[in-house]
Amino acid sequence: MANKKTNAHQGKIHIKKDDTVIITSGDDKGTKAKVLSVLKDDYKVLVQGVNMISRHTKPNAKETNGGIIKKEAPIHISNVMLVDPKSGKATRIKREKKDGKTIRIAVKSGSTI
């Protein structure tokens, strides 16, 4: 148990799959893109076309051609912000209970996400 990583200080994850986000730091700062997947255990997200890496692959039975494959690498969730559906700018979110369901609301415009 001593080797297990704890991310209790990180808080709740405010991003979901298929959300539109804006990158707030790094080489791709300012880029708006769609979230492909959320890695909850590591507090990271895969964002379409952001943080691209090159993988060198050998030919094998499954993939007869080798070569260089470009793919997205995960980035930490603190480096992305949700895009407000009304204004198209970055916004924080708050959560409210409505009819027994938790809904996400954009802080800047008050619109439901």
PDB file of N, CA and C in Angstrom:
ATOM      1  N   MET A   1       0.813  -1.200   0.000  1.00  0.00           N
ATOM      2  CA  MET A   1       0.000   0.000   0.000  1.00  0.00           C
ATOM      3  C   MET A   1       0.856   1.263   0.000  1.00  0.00           C
ATOM      4  N   ALA A   2       2.081   1.177   0.442  1.00  0.00           N
ATOM      5  CA  ALA A   2       2.935   2.363   0.503  1.00  0.00           C
ATOM      6  C   ALA A   2       3.325   2.854  -0.890  1.00  0.00           C
ATOM      7  N   ASN A   3       3.346   1.963  -1.883  1.00  0.00           N
ATOM      8  CA  ASN A   3       3.752   2.344  -3.229  1.00  0.00           C
ATOM      9  C   ASN A   3       2.620   2.926  -4.067  1.00  0.00           C
ATOM     10  N   LYS A   4       1.406   2.814  -3.577  1.00  0.00           N
ATOM     11  CA  LYS A   4       0.253   3.263  -4.353  1.00  0.00           C
ATOM     12  C   LYS A   4       0.216   4.794  -4.426  1.00  0.00           C
ATOM     13  N   LYS A   5       0.033   5.311  -5.655  1.00  0.00           N
ATOM     14  CA  LYS A   5      -0.077   6.756  -5.832  1.00  0.00           C
ATOM     15  C   LYS A   5      -1.430   7.225  -5.331  1.00  0.00           C
ATOM     16  N   THR A   6      -1.428   8.332  -4.620  1.00  0.00           N
ATOM     17  CA  THR A   6      -2.696   8.906  -4.178  1.00  0.00           C
ATOM     18  C   THR A   6      -2.873  10.264  -4.816  1.00  0.00           C
ATOM     19  N   ASN A   7      -4.063  10.495  -5.322  1.00  0.00           N
ATOM     20  CA  ASN A   7      -4.390  11.765  -5.947  1.00  0.00           C
ATOM     21  C   ASN A   7      -5.577  12.409  -5.241  1.00  0.00           C
ATOM     22  N   ALA A   8      -5.678  12.184  -3.927  1.00  0.00           N
ATOM     23  CA  ALA A   8      -6.812  12.699  -3.178  1.00  0.00           C
ATOM     24  C   ALA A   8      -6.864  14.218  -3.199  1.00  0.00           C
ATOM     25  N   HIS A   9      -5.710  14.852  -3.267  1.00  0.00           N
ATOM     26  CA  HIS A   9      -5.665  16.313  -3.267  1.00  0.00           C
ATOM     27  C   HIS A   9      -6.115  16.913  -4.592  1.00  0.00           C
ATOM     28  N   GLN A  10      -6.306  16.101  -5.600  1.00  0.00           N
ATOM     29  CA  GLN A  10      -6.628  16.594  -6.936  1.00  0.00           C
ATOM     30  C   GLN A  10      -8.085  17.053  -7.061  1.00  0.00           C
ATOM     31  N   GLY A  11      -9.001  16.475  -6.306  1.00  0.00           N
ATOM     32  CA  GLY A  11     -10.401  16.864  -6.402  1.00  0.00           C
ATOM     33  C   GLY A  11     -11.139  16.074  -7.474  1.00  0.00           C
ATOM     34  N   LYS A  12     -12.379  16.486  -7.733  1.00  0.00           N
ATOM     35  CA  LYS A  12     -13.206  15.790  -8.716  1.00  0.00           C
ATOM     36  C   LYS A  12     -12.784  16.137 -10.136  1.00  0.00           C
ATOM     37  N   ILE A  13     -13.083  15.230 -11.029  1.00  0.00           N
ATOM     38  CA  ILE A  13     -12.779  15.454 -12.437  1.00  0.00           C
ATOM     39  C   ILE A  13     -13.948  16.218 -13.062  1.00  0.00           C
ATOM     40  N   HIS A  14     -13.657  17.360 -13.667  1.00  0.00           N
ATOM     41  CA  HIS A  14     -14.692  18.230 -14.215  1.00  0.00           C
ATOM     42  C   HIS A  14     -14.844  18.091 -15.721  1.00  0.00           C
ATOM     43  N   ILE A  15     -14.044  17.222 -16.341  1.00  0.00           N
ATOM     44  CA  ILE A  15     -14.062  17.030 -17.791  1.00  0.00           C
ATOM     45  C   ILE A  15     -14.605  15.636 -18.091  1.00  0.00           C
ATOM     46  N   LYS A  16     -15.412  15.541 -19.144  1.00  0.00           N
ATOM     47  CA  LYS A  16     -15.939  14.248 -19.585  1.00  0.00           C
ATOM     48  C   LYS A  16     -15.575  14.021 -21.049  1.00  0.00           C
ATOM     49  N   LYS A  17     -15.739  12.781 -21.493  1.00  0.00           N
ATOM     50  CA  LYS A  17     -15.502  12.449 -22.891  1.00  0.00           C
ATOM     51  C   LYS A  17     -16.433  13.267 -23.780  1.00  0.00           C
ATOM     52  N   ASP A  18     -15.930  13.682 -24.945  1.00  0.00           N
ATOM     53  CA  ASP A  18     -16.653  14.464 -25.954  1.00  0.00           C
ATOM     54  C   ASP A  18     -16.874  15.931 -25.564  1.00  0.00           C
ATOM     55  N   ASP A  19     -16.312  16.393 -24.437  1.00  0.00           N
ATOM     56  CA  ASP A  19     -16.352  17.816 -24.108  1.00  0.00           C
ATOM     57  C   ASP A  19     -15.379  18.561 -25.015  1.00  0.00           C
ATOM     58  N   THR A  20     -15.656  19.828 -25.261  1.00  0.00           N
ATOM     59  CA  THR A  20     -14.712  20.687 -25.966  1.00  0.00           C
ATOM     60  C   THR A  20     -13.911  21.435 -24.916  1.00  0.00           C
ATOM     61  N   VAL A  21     -12.599  21.371 -25.031  1.00  0.00           N
ATOM     62  CA  VAL A  21     -11.725  22.003 -24.051  1.00  0.00           C
ATOM     63  C   VAL A  21     -10.735  22.923 -24.758  1.00  0.00           C
ATOM     64  N   ILE A  22     -10.127  23.810 -23.974  1.00  0.00           N
ATOM     65  CA  ILE A  22      -9.063  24.662 -24.463  1.00  0.00           C
ATOM     66  C   ILE A  22      -7.812  24.344 -23.637  1.00  0.00           C
ATOM     67  N   ILE A  23      -6.674  24.256 -24.310  1.00  0.00           N
ATOM     68  CA  ILE A  23      -5.419  23.932 -23.644  1.00  0.00           C
ATOM     69  C   ILE A  23      -4.872  25.215 -23.024  1.00  0.00           C
ATOM     70  N   THR A  24      -4.518  25.163 -21.726  1.00  0.00           N
ATOM     71  CA  THR A  24      -4.094  26.364 -21.006  1.00  0.00           C
ATOM     72  C   THR A  24      -2.586  26.486 -20.854  1.00  0.00           C
ATOM     73  N   SER A  25      -1.829  25.420 -21.125  1.00  0.00           N
ATOM     74  CA  SER A  25      -0.375  25.518 -21.012  1.00  0.00           C
ATOM     75  C   SER A  25       0.291  24.499 -21.911  1.00  0.00           C
ATOM     76  N   GLY A  26       1.565  24.727 -22.191  1.00  0.00           N
ATOM     77  CA  GLY A  26       2.331  23.807 -23.020  1.00  0.00           C
ATOM     78  C   GLY A  26       2.439  24.289 -24.451  1.00  0.00           C
ATOM     79  N   ASP A  27       2.965  23.414 -25.306  1.00  0.00           N
ATOM     80  CA  ASP A  27       3.189  23.761 -26.710  1.00  0.00           C
ATOM     81  C   ASP A  27       1.889  24.060 -27.461  1.00  0.00           C
ATOM     82  N   ASP A  28       0.802  23.419 -27.062  1.00  0.00           N
ATOM     83  CA  ASP A  28      -0.475  23.564 -27.758  1.00  0.00           C
ATOM     84  C   ASP A  28      -1.400  24.572 -27.081  1.00  0.00           C
ATOM     85  N   LYS A  29      -0.849  25.493 -26.301  1.00  0.00           N
ATOM     86  CA  LYS A  29      -1.646  26.468 -25.548  1.00  0.00           C
ATOM     87  C   LYS A  29      -2.568  27.245 -26.480  1.00  0.00           C
ATOM     88  N   GLY A  30      -3.847  27.361 -26.078  1.00  0.00           N
ATOM     89  CA  GLY A  30      -4.825  28.100 -26.858  1.00  0.00           C
ATOM     90  C   GLY A  30      -5.612  27.250 -27.832  1.00  0.00           C
ATOM     91  N   THR A  31      -5.250  25.990 -27.991  1.00  0.00           N
ATOM     92  CA  THR A  31      -5.928  25.099 -28.932  1.00  0.00           C
ATOM     93  C   THR A  31      -7.256  24.623 -28.351  1.00  0.00           C
ATOM     94  N   LYS A  32      -8.317  24.683 -29.168  1.00  0.00           N
ATOM     95  CA  LYS A  32      -9.612  24.122 -28.783  1.00  0.00           C
ATOM     96  C   LYS A  32      -9.754  22.781 -29.473  1.00  0.00           C
ATOM     97  N   ALA A  33     -10.134  21.758 -28.712  1.00  0.00           N
ATOM     98  CA  ALA A  33     -10.278  20.421 -29.287  1.00  0.00           C
ATOM     99  C   ALA A  33     -11.217  19.579 -28.430  1.00  0.00           C
ATOM    100  N   LYS A  34     -11.559  18.409 -28.960  1.00  0.00           N
ATOM    101  CA  LYS A  34     -12.483  17.489 -28.311  1.00  0.00           C
ATOM    102  C   LYS A  34     -11.726  16.474 -27.465  1.00  0.00           C
ATOM    103  N   VAL A  35     -12.289  16.111 -26.310  1.00  0.00           N
ATOM    104  CA  VAL A  35     -11.700  15.111 -25.434  1.00  0.00           C
ATOM    105  C   VAL A  35     -12.052  13.720 -25.968  1.00  0.00           C
ATOM    106  N   LEU A  36     -11.019  12.893 -26.201  1.00  0.00           N
ATOM    107  CA  LEU A  36     -11.235  11.542 -26.702  1.00  0.00           C
ATOM    108  C   LEU A  36     -11.499  10.560 -25.566  1.00  0.00           C
ATOM    109  N   SER A  37     -10.761  10.704 -24.453  1.00  0.00           N
ATOM    110  CA  SER A  37     -10.991   9.849 -23.295  1.00  0.00           C
ATOM    111  C   SER A  37     -10.419  10.497 -22.047  1.00  0.00           C
ATOM    112  N   VAL A  38     -10.920  10.050 -20.891  1.00  0.00           N
ATOM    113  CA  VAL A  38     -10.471  10.556 -19.595  1.00  0.00           C
ATOM    114  C   VAL A  38      -9.848   9.397 -18.832  1.00  0.00           C
ATOM    115  N   LEU A  39      -8.616   9.584 -18.366  1.00  0.00           N
ATOM    116  CA  LEU A  39      -7.916   8.585 -17.566  1.00  0.00           C
ATOM    117  C   LEU A  39      -8.044   9.001 -16.097  1.00  0.00           C
ATOM    118  N   LYS A  40      -9.081   8.507 -15.431  1.00  0.00           N
ATOM    119  CA  LYS A  40      -9.431   8.975 -14.090  1.00  0.00           C
ATOM    120  C   LYS A  40      -8.339   8.691 -13.066  1.00  0.00           C
ATOM    121  N   ASP A  41      -7.704   7.535 -13.134  1.00  0.00           N
ATOM    122  CA  ASP A  41      -6.706   7.161 -12.133  1.00  0.00           C
ATOM    123  C   ASP A  41      -5.485   8.070 -12.159  1.00  0.00           C
ATOM    124  N   ASP A  42      -5.128   8.566 -13.338  1.00  0.00           N
ATOM    125  CA  ASP A  42      -3.930   9.395 -13.485  1.00  0.00           C
ATOM    126  C   ASP A  42      -4.253  10.882 -13.574  1.00  0.00           C
ATOM    127  N   TYR A  43      -5.539  11.260 -13.543  1.00  0.00           N
ATOM    128  CA  TYR A  43      -5.972  12.639 -13.709  1.00  0.00           C
ATOM    129  C   TYR A  43      -5.427  13.228 -15.011  1.00  0.00           C
ATOM    130  N   LYS A  44      -5.597  12.470 -16.099  1.00  0.00           N
ATOM    131  CA  LYS A  44      -5.138  12.913 -17.418  1.00  0.00           C
ATOM    132  C   LYS A  44      -6.255  12.739 -18.439  1.00  0.00           C
ATOM    133  N   VAL A  45      -6.132  13.460 -19.546  1.00  0.00           N
ATOM    134  CA  VAL A  45      -7.099  13.367 -20.637  1.00  0.00           C
ATOM    135  C   VAL A  45      -6.363  13.225 -21.961  1.00  0.00           C
ATOM    136  N   LEU A  46      -6.998  12.539 -22.899  1.00  0.00           N
ATOM    137  CA  LEU A  46      -6.514  12.472 -24.277  1.00  0.00           C
ATOM    138  C   LEU A  46      -7.337  13.466 -25.085  1.00  0.00           C
ATOM    139  N   VAL A  47      -6.665  14.426 -25.700  1.00  0.00           N
ATOM    140  CA  VAL A  47      -7.346  15.464 -26.462  1.00  0.00           C
ATOM    141  C   VAL A  47      -6.958  15.313 -27.927  1.00  0.00           C
ATOM    142  N   GLN A  48      -7.942  15.389 -28.812  1.00  0.00           N
ATOM    143  CA  GLN A  48      -7.753  15.159 -30.232  1.00  0.00           C
ATOM    144  C   GLN A  48      -6.774  16.157 -30.846  1.00  0.00           C
ATOM    145  N   GLY A  49      -5.682  15.627 -31.422  1.00  0.00           N
ATOM    146  CA  GLY A  49      -4.702  16.442 -32.122  1.00  0.00           C
ATOM    147  C   GLY A  49      -3.771  17.252 -31.238  1.00  0.00           C
ATOM    148  N   VAL A  50      -3.750  16.975 -29.937  1.00  0.00           N
ATOM    149  CA  VAL A  50      -2.922  17.731 -28.994  1.00  0.00           C
ATOM    150  C   VAL A  50      -1.912  16.792 -28.341  1.00  0.00           C
ATOM    151  N   ASN A  51      -0.696  17.300 -28.110  1.00  0.00           N
ATOM    152  CA  ASN A  51       0.385  16.541 -27.485  1.00  0.00           C
ATOM    153  C   ASN A  51       0.709  15.282 -28.295  1.00  0.00           C
ATOM    154  N   MET A  52       0.931  15.477 -29.581  1.00  0.00           N
ATOM    155  CA  MET A  52       1.201  14.361 -30.483  1.00  0.00           C
ATOM    156  C   MET A  52       2.611  13.804 -30.257  1.00  0.00           C
ATOM    157  N   ILE A  53       2.700  12.470 -30.252  1.00  0.00           N
ATOM    158  CA  ILE A  53       3.987  11.797 -30.131  1.00  0.00           C
ATOM    159  C   ILE A  53       4.176  10.879 -31.331  1.00  0.00           C
ATOM    160  N   SER A  54       5.413  10.490 -31.592  1.00  0.00           N
ATOM    161  CA  SER A  54       5.726   9.578 -32.694  1.00  0.00           C
ATOM    162  C   SER A  54       6.134   8.235 -32.121  1.00  0.00           C
ATOM    163  N   ARG A  55       5.515   7.182 -32.597  1.00  0.00           N
ATOM    164  CA  ARG A  55       5.860   5.821 -32.200  1.00  0.00           C
ATOM    165  C   ARG A  55       6.478   5.123 -33.396  1.00  0.00           C
ATOM    166  N   HIS A  56       7.670   4.571 -33.201  1.00  0.00           N
ATOM    167  CA  HIS A  56       8.332   3.811 -34.258  1.00  0.00           C
ATOM    168  C   HIS A  56       7.942   2.348 -34.083  1.00  0.00           C
ATOM    169  N   THR A  57       7.349   1.748 -35.130  1.00  0.00           N
ATOM    170  CA  THR A  57       6.865   0.374 -35.026  1.00  0.00           C
ATOM    171  C   THR A  57       7.559  -0.512 -36.050  1.00  0.00           C
ATOM    172  N   LYS A  58       7.762  -1.755 -35.648  1.00  0.00           N
ATOM    173  CA  LYS A  58       8.315  -2.758 -36.555  1.00  0.00           C
ATOM    174  C   LYS A  58       7.178  -3.473 -37.258  1.00  0.00           C
ATOM    175  N   PRO A  59       7.426  -3.999 -38.428  1.00  0.00           N
ATOM    176  CA  PRO A  59       6.395  -4.825 -39.077  1.00  0.00           C
ATOM    177  C   PRO A  59       6.159  -6.102 -38.268  1.00  0.00           C
ATOM    178  N   ASN A  60       4.907  -6.527 -38.175  1.00  0.00           N
ATOM    179  CA  ASN A  60       4.575  -7.795 -37.528  1.00  0.00           C
ATOM    180  C   ASN A  60       3.378  -8.403 -38.249  1.00  0.00           C
ATOM    181  N   ALA A  61       2.875  -9.496 -37.725  1.00  0.00           N
ATOM    182  CA  ALA A  61       1.785 -10.212 -38.389  1.00  0.00           C
ATOM    183  C   ALA A  61       0.519  -9.351 -38.468  1.00  0.00           C
ATOM    184  N   LYS A  62       0.259  -8.604 -37.441  1.00  0.00           N
ATOM    185  CA  LYS A  62      -0.944  -7.783 -37.405  1.00  0.00           C
ATOM    186  C   LYS A  62      -0.805  -6.552 -38.308  1.00  0.00           C
ATOM    187  N   GLU A  63       0.326  -5.889 -38.233  1.00  0.00           N
ATOM    188  CA  GLU A  63       0.601  -4.693 -39.035  1.00  0.00           C
ATOM    189  C   GLU A  63       1.797  -4.995 -39.929  1.00  0.00           C
ATOM    190  N   THR A  64       1.541  -5.244 -41.217  1.00  0.00           N
ATOM    191  CA  THR A  64       2.610  -5.668 -42.119  1.00  0.00           C
ATOM    192  C   THR A  64       3.582  -4.549 -42.445  1.00  0.00           C
ATOM    193  N   ASN A  65       3.127  -3.311 -42.380  1.00  0.00           N
ATOM    194  CA  ASN A  65       4.017  -2.186 -42.623  1.00  0.00           C
ATOM    195  C   ASN A  65       4.480  -1.590 -41.307  1.00  0.00           C
ATOM    196  N   GLY A  66       5.765  -1.402 -41.178  1.00  0.00           N
ATOM    197  CA  GLY A  66       6.290  -0.695 -40.030  1.00  0.00           C
ATOM    198  C   GLY A  66       6.300   0.783 -40.328  1.00  0.00           C
ATOM    199  N   GLY A  67       6.871   1.558 -39.452  1.00  0.00           N
ATOM    200  CA  GLY A  67       6.997   2.985 -39.715  1.00  0.00           C
ATOM    201  C   GLY A  67       6.729   3.818 -38.495  1.00  0.00           C
ATOM    202  N   ILE A  68       6.516   5.078 -38.733  1.00  0.00           N
ATOM    203  CA  ILE A  68       6.284   6.027 -37.654  1.00  0.00           C
ATOM    204  C   ILE A  68       4.797   6.330 -37.578  1.00  0.00           C
ATOM    205  N   ILE A  69       4.233   6.139 -36.394  1.00  0.00           N
ATOM    206  CA  ILE A  69       2.813   6.385 -36.169  1.00  0.00           C
ATOM    207  C   ILE A  69       2.684   7.578 -35.231  1.00  0.00           C
ATOM    208  N   LYS A  70       1.907   8.574 -35.637  1.00  0.00           N
ATOM    209  CA  LYS A  70       1.636   9.731 -34.782  1.00  0.00           C
ATOM    210  C   LYS A  70       0.361   9.468 -33.997  1.00  0.00           C
ATOM    211  N   LYS A  71       0.410   9.718 -32.672  1.00  0.00           N
ATOM    212  CA  LYS A  71      -0.789   9.564 -31.859  1.00  0.00           C
ATOM    213  C   LYS A  71      -0.750  10.523 -30.683  1.00  0.00           C
ATOM    214  N   GLU A  72      -1.928  10.706 -30.062  1.00  0.00           N
ATOM    215  CA  GLU A  72      -2.045  11.623 -28.944  1.00  0.00           C
ATOM    216  C   GLU A  72      -1.504  10.991 -27.671  1.00  0.00           C
ATOM    217  N   ALA A  73      -0.828  11.794 -26.858  1.00  0.00           N
ATOM    218  CA  ALA A  73      -0.391  11.367 -25.535  1.00  0.00           C
ATOM    219  C   ALA A  73      -1.256  12.089 -24.504  1.00  0.00           C
ATOM    220  N   PRO A  74      -1.454  11.480 -23.344  1.00  0.00           N
ATOM    221  CA  PRO A  74      -2.296  12.131 -22.343  1.00  0.00           C
ATOM    222  C   PRO A  74      -1.642  13.390 -21.764  1.00  0.00           C
ATOM    223  N   ILE A  75      -2.473  14.368 -21.411  1.00  0.00           N
ATOM    224  CA  ILE A  75      -1.989  15.556 -20.712  1.00  0.00           C
ATOM    225  C   ILE A  75      -2.765  15.696 -19.407  1.00  0.00           C
ATOM    226  N   HIS A  76      -2.152  16.337 -18.426  1.00  0.00           N
ATOM    227  CA  HIS A  76      -2.777  16.450 -17.109  1.00  0.00           C
ATOM    228  C   HIS A  76      -4.028  17.314 -17.184  1.00  0.00           C
ATOM    229  N   ILE A  77      -5.011  16.935 -16.388  1.00  0.00           N
ATOM    230  CA  ILE A  77      -6.320  17.593 -16.439  1.00  0.00           C
ATOM    231  C   ILE A  77      -6.242  19.056 -15.999  1.00  0.00           C
ATOM    232  N   SER A  78      -5.195  19.419 -15.249  1.00  0.00           N
ATOM    233  CA  SER A  78      -5.053  20.807 -14.810  1.00  0.00           C
ATOM    234  C   SER A  78      -4.627  21.719 -15.954  1.00  0.00           C
ATOM    235  N   ASN A  79      -4.202  21.153 -17.071  1.00  0.00           N
ATOM    236  CA  ASN A  79      -3.757  21.947 -18.217  1.00  0.00           C
ATOM    237  C   ASN A  79      -4.847  22.155 -19.262  1.00  0.00           C
ATOM    238  N   VAL A  80      -6.081  21.784 -18.942  1.00  0.00           N
ATOM    239  CA  VAL A  80      -7.206  22.017 -19.852  1.00  0.00           C
ATOM    240  C   VAL A  80      -8.351  22.686 -19.091  1.00  0.00           C
ATOM    241  N   MET A  81      -9.130  23.484 -19.814  1.00  0.00           N
ATOM    242  CA  MET A  81     -10.333  24.088 -19.245  1.00  0.00           C
ATOM    243  C   MET A  81     -11.496  23.866 -20.205  1.00  0.00           C
ATOM    244  N   LEU A  82     -12.659  23.693 -19.638  1.00  0.00           N
ATOM    245  CA  LEU A  82     -13.863  23.494 -20.427  1.00  0.00           C
ATOM    246  C   LEU A  82     -14.208  24.768 -21.191  1.00  0.00           C
ATOM    247  N   VAL A  83     -14.723  24.619 -22.406  1.00  0.00           N
ATOM    248  CA  VAL A  83     -15.127  25.764 -23.217  1.00  0.00           C
ATOM    249  C   VAL A  83     -16.607  26.043 -22.962  1.00  0.00           C
ATOM    250  N   ASP A  84     -16.905  27.304 -22.676  1.00  0.00           N
ATOM    251  CA  ASP A  84     -18.283  27.747 -22.432  1.00  0.00           C
ATOM    252  C   ASP A  84     -19.077  27.622 -23.725  1.00  0.00           C
ATOM    253  N   PRO A  85     -20.220  26.929 -23.718  1.00  0.00           N
ATOM    254  CA  PRO A  85     -20.988  26.753 -24.950  1.00  0.00           C
ATOM    255  C   PRO A  85     -21.542  28.063 -25.523  1.00  0.00           C
ATOM    256  N   LYS A  86     -21.799  29.066 -24.684  1.00  0.00           N
ATOM    257  CA  LYS A  86     -22.343  30.338 -25.175  1.00  0.00           C
ATOM    258  C   LYS A  86     -21.264  31.234 -25.767  1.00  0.00           C
ATOM    259  N   SER A  87     -20.191  31.471 -24.993  1.00  0.00           N
ATOM    260  CA  SER A  87     -19.189  32.444 -25.423  1.00  0.00           C
ATOM    261  C   SER A  87     -18.038  31.822 -26.211  1.00  0.00           C
ATOM    262  N   GLY A  88     -17.798  30.532 -26.040  1.00  0.00           N
ATOM    263  CA  GLY A  88     -16.687  29.885 -26.723  1.00  0.00           C
ATOM    264  C   GLY A  88     -15.349  30.124 -26.043  1.00  0.00           C
ATOM    265  N   LYS A  89     -15.369  30.667 -24.820  1.00  0.00           N
ATOM    266  CA  LYS A  89     -14.148  30.924 -24.065  1.00  0.00           C
ATOM    267  C   LYS A  89     -14.034  29.934 -22.912  1.00  0.00           C
ATOM    268  N   ALA A  90     -12.843  29.870 -22.316  1.00  0.00           N
ATOM    269  CA  ALA A  90     -12.601  28.961 -21.199  1.00  0.00           C
ATOM    270  C   ALA A  90     -13.421  29.385 -19.989  1.00  0.00           C
ATOM    271  N   THR A  91     -13.939  28.402 -19.251  1.00  0.00           N
ATOM    272  CA  THR A  91     -14.728  28.689 -18.060  1.00  0.00           C
ATOM    273  C   THR A  91     -14.513  27.609 -17.013  1.00  0.00           C
ATOM    274  N   ARG A  92     -14.720  27.998 -15.773  1.00  0.00           N
ATOM    275  CA  ARG A  92     -14.767  27.008 -14.701  1.00  0.00           C
ATOM    276  C   ARG A  92     -16.197  26.488 -14.637  1.00  0.00           C
ATOM    277  N   ILE A  93     -16.387  25.399 -13.897  1.00  0.00           N
ATOM    278  CA  ILE A  93     -17.739  24.869 -13.788  1.00  0.00           C
ATOM    279  C   ILE A  93     -18.111  24.704 -12.328  1.00  0.00           C
ATOM    280  N   LYS A  94     -19.408  24.712 -12.081  1.00  0.00           N
ATOM    281  CA  LYS A  94     -19.915  24.380 -10.753  1.00  0.00           C
ATOM    282  C   LYS A  94     -20.958  23.287 -10.934  1.00  0.00           C
ATOM    283  N   ARG A  95     -21.207  22.570  -9.869  1.00  0.00           N
ATOM    284  CA  ARG A  95     -22.163  21.463  -9.915  1.00  0.00           C
ATOM    285  C   ARG A  95     -23.360  21.794  -9.053  1.00  0.00           C
ATOM    286  N   GLU A  96     -24.548  21.452  -9.544  1.00  0.00           N
ATOM    287  CA  GLU A  96     -25.781  21.640  -8.788  1.00  0.00           C
ATOM    288  C   GLU A  96     -26.650  20.405  -8.942  1.00  0.00           C
ATOM    289  N   LYS A  97     -27.432  20.127  -7.912  1.00  0.00           N
ATOM    290  CA  LYS A  97     -28.378  19.021  -7.960  1.00  0.00           C
ATOM    291  C   LYS A  97     -29.706  19.561  -8.476  1.00  0.00           C
ATOM    292  N   LYS A  98     -30.245  18.882  -9.502  1.00  0.00           N
ATOM    293  CA  LYS A  98     -31.536  19.263 -10.042  1.00  0.00           C
ATOM    294  C   LYS A  98     -32.296  17.978 -10.361  1.00  0.00           C
ATOM    295  N   ASP A  99     -33.431  17.789  -9.730  1.00  0.00           N
ATOM    296  CA  ASP A  99     -34.254  16.585  -9.912  1.00  0.00           C
ATOM    297  C   ASP A  99     -33.465  15.314  -9.620  1.00  0.00           C
ATOM    298  N   GLY A 100     -32.606  15.352  -8.612  1.00  0.00           N
ATOM    299  CA  GLY A 100     -31.843  14.175  -8.221  1.00  0.00           C
ATOM    300  C   GLY A 100     -30.623  13.899  -9.081  1.00  0.00           C
ATOM    301  N   LYS A 101     -30.380  14.730 -10.090  1.00  0.00           N
ATOM    302  CA  LYS A 101     -29.211  14.564 -10.953  1.00  0.00           C
ATOM    303  C   LYS A 101     -28.253  15.720 -10.740  1.00  0.00           C
ATOM    304  N   THR A 102     -26.970  15.433 -10.865  1.00  0.00           N
ATOM    305  CA  THR A 102     -25.967  16.482 -10.777  1.00  0.00           C
ATOM    306  C   THR A 102     -25.732  17.036 -12.171  1.00  0.00           C
ATOM    307  N   ILE A 103     -25.868  18.353 -12.315  1.00  0.00           N
ATOM    308  CA  ILE A 103     -25.635  18.980 -13.608  1.00  0.00           C
ATOM    309  C   ILE A 103     -24.441  19.922 -13.496  1.00  0.00           C
ATOM    310  N   ARG A 104     -23.761  20.124 -14.617  1.00  0.00           N
ATOM    311  CA  ARG A 104     -22.618  21.027 -14.660  1.00  0.00           C
ATOM    312  C   ARG A 104     -23.063  22.358 -15.254  1.00  0.00           C
ATOM    313  N   ILE A 105     -22.644  23.446 -14.611  1.00  0.00           N
ATOM    314  CA  ILE A 105     -23.040  24.775 -15.053  1.00  0.00           C
ATOM    315  C   ILE A 105     -21.784  25.618 -15.243  1.00  0.00           C
ATOM    316  N   ALA A 106     -21.714  26.335 -16.369  1.00  0.00           N
ATOM    317  CA  ALA A 106     -20.586  27.218 -16.649  1.00  0.00           C
ATOM    318  C   ALA A 106     -20.675  28.424 -15.717  1.00  0.00           C
ATOM    319  N   VAL A 107     -19.564  28.741 -15.041  1.00  0.00           N
ATOM    320  CA  VAL A 107     -19.557  29.840 -14.078  1.00  0.00           C
ATOM    321  C   VAL A 107     -19.736  31.181 -14.774  1.00  0.00           C
ATOM    322  N   LYS A 108     -19.097  31.395 -15.926  1.00  0.00           N
ATOM    323  CA  LYS A 108     -19.141  32.700 -16.593  1.00  0.00           C
ATOM    324  C   LYS A 108     -20.510  33.051 -17.135  1.00  0.00           C
ATOM    325  N   SER A 109     -21.190  32.104 -17.788  1.00  0.00           N
ATOM    326  CA  SER A 109     -22.465  32.437 -18.423  1.00  0.00           C
ATOM    327  C   SER A 109     -23.675  31.858 -17.702  1.00  0.00           C
ATOM    328  N   GLY A 110     -23.468  30.886 -16.844  1.00  0.00           N
ATOM    329  CA  GLY A 110     -24.593  30.257 -16.141  1.00  0.00           C
ATOM    330  C   GLY A 110     -25.333  29.225 -16.969  1.00  0.00           C
ATOM    331  N   SER A 111     -24.804  28.888 -18.151  1.00  0.00           N
ATOM    332  CA  SER A 111     -25.482  27.914 -19.018  1.00  0.00           C
ATOM    333  C   SER A 111     -25.144  26.487 -18.600  1.00  0.00           C
ATOM    334  N   THR A 112     -26.072  25.595 -18.845  1.00  0.00           N
ATOM    335  CA  THR A 112     -25.881  24.180 -18.536  1.00  0.00           C
ATOM    336  C   THR A 112     -25.007  23.525 -19.577  1.00  0.00           C
ATOM    337  N   ILE A 113     -24.101  22.686 -19.112  1.00  0.00           N
ATOM    338  CA  ILE A 113     -23.200  21.989 -20.030  1.00  0.00           C
ATOM    339  C   ILE A 113     -23.687  20.569 -20.205  1.00  0.00           C
TER     340      ILE A 113
END
